[in-house]
Amino acid sequence: MLETLRNRAEGTLFPVACVDLGLEPPERRWLEQHGVEILPVRHHFTLPQGYPNWHDGYLVQPFLREILPDWDIYLWIDADIWFQDGRAIAACLAGAQRDGFAIASEATPDYRVQLWLQAWMTKHFIRGFGLLEGLWLSAQPHLNSGFYALRADAPHWEAWTQAFAEAIRRTGDGTPHGQFAMNQLVHGRLFGRGRMRATILEPWANWICDRGVPMWNDEAGAFCEPRAPYRIISALHLAGPGKRTTYRIRRTGGGSFETRILPGAGPTSSVKAPERVTVLA
């Protein structure tokens, strides 16, 4: 992620910080050598003893203003996202500047229907927000919190923290309620109560590769949406199985090839799985 971010002009204009969820010393040194500030985990939620430490990547997000004071906009990027161009970064920052909050939708006919995923989401919406509200929220276009921007003075921070805390009190769990509480900010509660302003970006700004396998645009030499006009995807998100799966990629010029969806992949390359995948947040 970091290297593709820094290769974009937009990515050279702001500092980068990383929340330490268990970095090894060589990983810390590599990040520090690349100008990344290492942040401690700090949040104010109460969870049972023994919850997985990777949950902290979700729990810490509403408190970024405390950990990193005096920033104007906080742009969160999951470490399993990489960029083909700077459009997603620019659009997300512009949306947060204008509306206080910007995030990408998962609403596209190019994503396959995954019944297990829909059942999982519905279950957790109900657990976190109650039966009626949970069912209503699960029916709204889902927003993925792997990539979003929040302006420092936006009212969304307090509302998000409150909704997140309420879901934790209901369930005793930290995940996936941060993302689901963020969905509630945008969609509001039943009958339109509590809806907050937001810029909703199209899926090309945060493409979930395992939900919809991208195509290869031969003319542009880049991964693209899998239907005409084959728009280039700006940010590719290797959520879940996407980190380790080899996909068959169809080409706009005909034919296909197999590869993992990583930087440098293409019709003439072969990208192998790394021995160890470390996900930073």
Protein backbone atom coordinates (compact mmCIF):
# COMPACT_ATOMS: atom_id res chain seq x y z
CA MET A 1 0.00 0.00 0.00
CA LEU A 2 2.61 2.52 1.08
CA GLU A 3 4.71 2.23 -2.06
CA THR A 4 1.73 2.67 -4.37
CA LEU A 5 0.54 5.58 -2.23
CA ARG A 6 3.91 7.31 -2.45
CA ASN A 7 4.01 6.74 -6.21
CA ARG A 8 0.90 8.91 -6.53
CA ALA A 9 1.42 12.66 -6.54
CA GLU A 10 -1.39 13.05 -3.99
CA GLY A 11 0.31 10.57 -1.68
CA THR A 12 3.45 12.66 -1.39
CA LEU A 13 1.60 15.68 -0.01
CA PHE A 14 0.73 14.43 3.47
CA PRO A 15 2.36 12.50 6.34
CA VAL A 16 1.55 8.83 6.95
CA ALA A 17 1.07 7.09 10.29
CA CYS A 18 0.54 3.41 11.13
CA VAL A 19 -1.29 1.94 14.13
CA ASP A 20 0.91 -0.75 15.71
CA LEU A 21 -1.17 -3.91 16.10
CA GLY A 22 1.87 -6.09 16.75
CA LEU A 23 4.66 -5.03 14.42
CA GLU A 24 7.91 -6.98 14.46
CA PRO A 25 11.12 -4.91 14.87
CA PRO A 26 12.13 -5.26 11.18
CA GLU A 27 8.68 -4.04 10.16
CA ARG A 28 8.91 -1.04 12.46
CA ARG A 29 12.35 -0.17 11.09
CA TRP A 30 11.14 -0.43 7.48
CA LEU A 31 8.19 1.85 8.16
CA GLU A 32 10.29 4.39 10.03
CA GLN A 33 12.85 4.42 7.22
CA HIS A 34 10.01 5.29 4.87
CA GLY A 35 8.88 8.21 6.97
CA VAL A 36 5.91 6.52 8.66
CA GLU A 37 5.02 7.51 12.23
CA ILE A 38 4.19 4.51 14.45
CA LEU A 39 1.13 5.07 16.63
CA PRO A 40 0.17 3.32 19.86
CA VAL A 41 -3.22 1.70 20.26
CA ARG A 42 -5.42 4.00 22.33
CA HIS A 43 -9.21 3.88 22.66
CA HIS A 44 -11.87 4.31 25.33
CA PHE A 45 -14.08 1.31 24.67
CA THR A 46 -14.48 -1.44 27.24
CA LEU A 47 -14.33 -5.00 25.95
CA PRO A 48 -13.92 -8.37 27.69
CA GLN A 49 -10.41 -9.56 28.48
CA GLY A 50 -8.79 -11.66 25.78
CA TYR A 51 -10.40 -10.15 22.69
CA PRO A 52 -8.13 -10.44 19.60
CA ASN A 53 -5.63 -7.58 19.36
CA TRP A 54 -6.43 -7.01 15.68
CA HIS A 55 -9.79 -5.66 16.82
CA ASP A 56 -7.83 -2.63 17.97
CA GLY A 57 -7.52 -1.59 14.34
CA TYR A 58 -11.26 -0.89 14.42
CA LEU A 59 -11.52 0.36 17.98
CA VAL A 60 -8.82 3.01 17.62
CA GLN A 61 -10.30 4.75 14.59
CA PRO A 62 -12.81 7.07 16.31
CA PHE A 63 -9.95 8.37 18.49
CA LEU A 64 -7.46 9.32 15.79
CA ARG A 65 -7.88 13.00 16.63
CA GLU A 66 -6.49 12.30 20.12
CA ILE A 67 -3.59 10.20 18.90
CA LEU A 68 -2.76 12.56 16.02
CA PRO A 69 -3.88 16.04 17.06
CA ASP A 70 -3.84 19.07 14.78
CA TRP A 71 -4.45 17.29 11.50
CA ASP A 72 -7.04 18.83 9.16
CA ILE A 73 -8.36 15.63 7.55
CA TYR A 74 -7.87 12.02 8.61
CA LEU A 75 -7.66 9.63 5.65
CA TRP A 76 -7.86 5.99 6.72
CA ILE A 77 -6.46 3.35 4.33
CA ASP A 78 -6.45 -0.36 5.20
CA ALA A 79 -3.04 -1.85 4.52
CA ASP A 80 -4.49 -4.39 2.08
CA ILE A 81 -5.43 -1.59 -0.34
CA TRP A 82 -3.17 -0.45 -3.16
CA PHE A 83 -3.55 2.32 -5.71
CA GLN A 84 -3.35 2.38 -9.50
CA ASP A 85 -3.81 6.14 -9.64
CA GLY A 86 -4.58 9.07 -7.36
CA ARG A 87 -8.27 9.63 -8.19
CA ALA A 88 -9.60 7.84 -5.11
CA ILE A 89 -7.31 9.77 -2.78
CA ALA A 90 -8.18 13.13 -4.35
CA ALA A 91 -11.93 12.40 -4.40
CA CYS A 92 -11.99 11.19 -0.81
CA LEU A 93 -10.10 14.21 0.49
CA ALA A 94 -12.26 16.61 -1.52
CA GLY A 95 -15.43 14.97 -0.24
CA ALA A 96 -14.31 15.21 3.37
CA GLN A 97 -13.35 18.84 2.90
CA ARG A 98 -16.79 19.61 1.49
CA ASP A 99 -19.14 17.38 3.54
CA GLY A 100 -17.02 16.38 6.52
CA PHE A 101 -17.00 12.69 5.58
CA ALA A 102 -16.30 10.66 2.43
CA ILE A 103 -16.52 6.90 1.91
CA ALA A 104 -17.02 4.45 -0.98
CA SER A 105 -20.13 2.37 -1.56
CA GLU A 106 -20.20 -1.34 -2.39
CA ALA A 107 -23.30 -0.86 -4.55
CA THR A 108 -22.46 -2.22 -7.99
CA PRO A 109 -23.97 -4.98 -10.16
CA ASP A 110 -20.43 -6.19 -10.78
CA TYR A 111 -20.13 -7.67 -7.28
CA ARG A 112 -21.32 -11.25 -7.01
CA VAL A 113 -24.06 -12.19 -4.58
CA GLN A 114 -22.52 -13.93 -1.57
CA LEU A 115 -25.34 -15.30 0.54
CA TRP A 116 -23.05 -16.17 3.44
CA LEU A 117 -21.77 -12.59 3.52
CA GLN A 118 -25.26 -11.09 3.39
CA ALA A 119 -26.36 -13.41 6.21
CA TRP A 120 -23.31 -12.47 8.28
CA MET A 121 -23.90 -8.76 7.77
CA THR A 122 -27.61 -9.01 8.60
CA LYS A 123 -26.83 -10.94 11.78
CA HIS A 124 -24.36 -8.33 13.00
CA PHE A 125 -26.56 -5.38 12.06
CA ILE A 126 -29.32 -6.95 14.16
CA ARG A 127 -26.95 -7.73 17.03
CA GLY A 128 -25.57 -4.21 17.06
CA PHE A 129 -28.69 -2.16 16.37
CA GLY A 130 -31.73 -4.28 17.21
CA LEU A 131 -34.10 -6.27 15.01
CA LEU A 132 -36.01 -3.59 13.08
CA GLU A 133 -33.15 -1.14 12.69
CA GLY A 134 -30.70 -3.92 11.91
CA LEU A 135 -32.88 -5.32 9.14
CA TRP A 136 -33.39 -1.84 7.70
CA LEU A 137 -29.67 -1.00 7.76
CA SER A 138 -28.73 -4.34 6.20
CA ALA A 139 -30.97 -3.48 3.23
CA GLN A 140 -29.15 -0.19 2.51
CA PRO A 141 -26.17 0.12 0.09
CA HIS A 142 -23.22 -1.00 2.19
CA LEU A 143 -20.27 1.33 2.81
CA ASN A 144 -16.81 -0.14 3.34
CA SER A 145 -14.69 1.46 6.07
CA GLY A 146 -11.37 0.29 4.64
CA PHE A 147 -10.99 3.66 2.93
CA TYR A 148 -12.58 6.88 4.12
CA ALA A 149 -11.79 10.45 5.14
CA LEU A 150 -13.08 12.51 8.06
CA ARG A 151 -12.51 16.23 8.51
CA ALA A 152 -11.14 17.08 11.95
CA ASP A 153 -14.01 19.39 12.87
CA ALA A 154 -16.79 17.20 11.43
CA PRO A 155 -19.68 16.30 13.75
CA HIS A 156 -19.46 12.69 12.55
CA TRP A 157 -16.76 11.78 15.10
CA GLU A 158 -19.00 12.08 18.15
CA ALA A 159 -21.99 10.44 16.47
CA TRP A 160 -19.83 7.56 15.23
CA THR A 161 -18.24 6.99 18.64
CA GLN A 162 -21.64 6.96 20.32
CA ALA A 163 -23.18 4.50 17.82
CA PHE A 164 -20.08 2.29 18.01
CA ALA A 165 -20.15 2.29 21.82
CA GLU A 166 -23.85 1.40 21.87
CA ALA A 167 -23.21 -1.59 19.60
CA ILE A 168 -20.31 -2.74 21.80
CA ARG A 169 -22.51 -2.52 24.90
CA ARG A 170 -25.16 -4.62 23.16
CA THR A 171 -22.78 -7.30 21.92
CA GLY A 172 -19.52 -7.20 23.89
CA ASP A 173 -17.68 -7.29 20.55
CA GLY A 174 -15.62 -4.67 18.75
CA THR A 175 -15.94 -5.95 15.22
CA PRO A 176 -17.61 -5.41 12.78
CA HIS A 177 -19.53 -2.70 14.60
CA GLY A 178 -17.22 0.18 13.75
CA GLN A 179 -17.98 -0.20 10.06
CA PHE A 180 -21.66 -0.85 10.70
CA ALA A 181 -21.95 2.20 12.98
CA MET A 182 -20.36 4.22 10.19
CA ASN A 183 -23.09 2.97 7.86
CA GLN A 184 -25.67 4.20 10.35
CA LEU A 185 -24.16 7.71 10.22
CA VAL A 186 -24.84 7.93 6.50
CA HIS A 187 -28.12 6.06 6.21
CA GLY A 188 -29.52 7.33 9.49
CA ARG A 189 -32.02 5.51 11.64
CA LEU A 190 -35.50 4.33 10.72
CA PHE A 191 -37.70 7.00 9.14
CA GLY A 192 -34.67 9.15 8.23
CA ARG A 193 -33.62 10.17 11.74
CA GLY A 194 -29.96 10.97 12.37
CA ARG A 195 -28.74 10.94 8.76
CA MET A 196 -25.48 12.88 8.33
CA ARG A 197 -23.96 14.51 5.25
CA ALA A 198 -21.39 12.49 3.35
CA THR A 199 -19.77 12.18 -0.06
CA ILE A 200 -20.44 8.66 -1.35
CA LEU A 201 -17.79 7.54 -3.81
CA GLU A 202 -18.37 4.88 -6.44
CA PRO A 203 -16.83 1.42 -5.96
CA TRP A 204 -13.87 2.21 -8.23
CA ALA A 205 -12.55 4.23 -5.27
CA ASN A 206 -12.40 1.10 -3.06
CA TRP A 207 -12.87 -2.02 -5.18
CA ILE A 208 -13.35 -5.21 -3.12
CA CYS A 209 -11.59 -7.67 -5.40
CA ASP A 210 -13.05 -10.85 -3.96
CA ARG A 211 -16.57 -9.44 -4.33
CA GLY A 212 -16.03 -8.71 -8.02
CA VAL A 213 -12.96 -9.88 -9.93
CA PRO A 214 -11.69 -6.96 -12.03
CA MET A 215 -10.79 -7.17 -15.70
CA TRP A 216 -7.60 -6.03 -17.39
CA ASN A 217 -7.88 -2.99 -19.66
CA ASP A 218 -5.38 -3.76 -22.41
CA GLU A 219 -5.40 -0.22 -23.74
CA ALA A 220 -4.65 1.35 -20.35
CA GLY A 221 -2.51 -1.50 -19.01
CA ALA A 222 -4.40 -1.56 -15.70
CA PHE A 223 -7.13 -3.36 -13.78
CA CYS A 224 -10.60 -2.08 -14.59
CA GLU A 225 -14.27 -2.59 -13.85
CA PRO A 226 -15.53 -5.82 -15.48
CA ARG A 227 -18.06 -4.20 -17.84
CA ALA A 228 -18.07 -1.49 -20.48
CA PRO A 229 -16.82 1.20 -20.54
CA TYR A 230 -14.12 -0.64 -18.49
CA ARG A 231 -13.24 2.27 -16.22
CA ILE A 232 -9.89 2.01 -14.46
CA ILE A 233 -10.17 1.10 -10.79
CA SER A 234 -8.30 3.58 -8.63
CA ALA A 235 -7.97 1.62 -5.36
CA LEU A 236 -7.95 -2.19 -5.22
CA HIS A 237 -8.88 -3.69 -1.85
CA LEU A 238 -7.62 -7.22 -1.12
CA ALA A 239 -10.05 -7.81 1.74
CA GLY A 240 -10.50 -11.33 3.10
CA PRO A 241 -9.39 -14.03 0.62
CA GLY A 242 -8.16 -11.41 -1.84
CA LYS A 243 -4.75 -11.32 -0.17
CA ARG A 244 -3.89 -14.90 -1.10
CA THR A 245 -6.14 -15.83 -4.05
CA THR A 246 -5.01 -16.27 -7.62
CA TYR A 247 -7.73 -15.05 -9.98
CA ARG A 248 -8.43 -15.59 -13.65
CA ILE A 249 -8.46 -12.08 -15.13
CA ARG A 250 -10.35 -11.48 -18.36
CA ARG A 251 -8.86 -8.98 -20.83
CA THR A 252 -10.75 -6.30 -22.72
CA GLY A 253 -8.87 -7.33 -25.84
CA GLY A 254 -9.86 -10.98 -25.45
CA GLY A 255 -8.42 -13.93 -23.58
CA SER A 256 -7.42 -14.09 -19.93
CA PHE A 257 -4.54 -14.75 -17.55
CA GLU A 258 -4.10 -15.89 -13.96
CA THR A 259 -2.50 -13.76 -11.27
CA ARG A 260 -2.80 -12.42 -7.79
CA ILE A 261 -4.10 -8.85 -7.85
CA LEU A 262 -0.96 -7.10 -6.64
CA PRO A 263 1.14 -4.18 -7.90
CA GLY A 264 3.12 -5.26 -10.92
CA ALA A 265 0.62 -7.92 -11.95
CA GLY A 266 -0.41 -8.11 -15.58
CA PRO A 267 -0.73 -10.40 -18.59
CA THR A 268 3.03 -10.97 -18.81
CA SER A 269 3.78 -11.20 -15.08
CA SER A 270 3.40 -13.86 -12.44
CA VAL A 271 2.92 -12.60 -8.89
CA LYS A 272 3.41 -15.29 -6.26
CA ALA A 273 2.04 -15.31 -2.75
CA PRO A 274 4.45 -14.01 -0.10
CA GLU A 275 5.58 -16.36 2.65
CA ARG A 276 3.99 -14.11 5.25
CA VAL A 277 1.33 -11.48 4.92
CA THR A 278 1.35 -8.73 7.54
CA VAL A 279 -1.71 -6.52 7.60
CA LEU A 280 -1.19 -3.10 9.13
CA ALA A 281 -3.86 -0.56 9.85
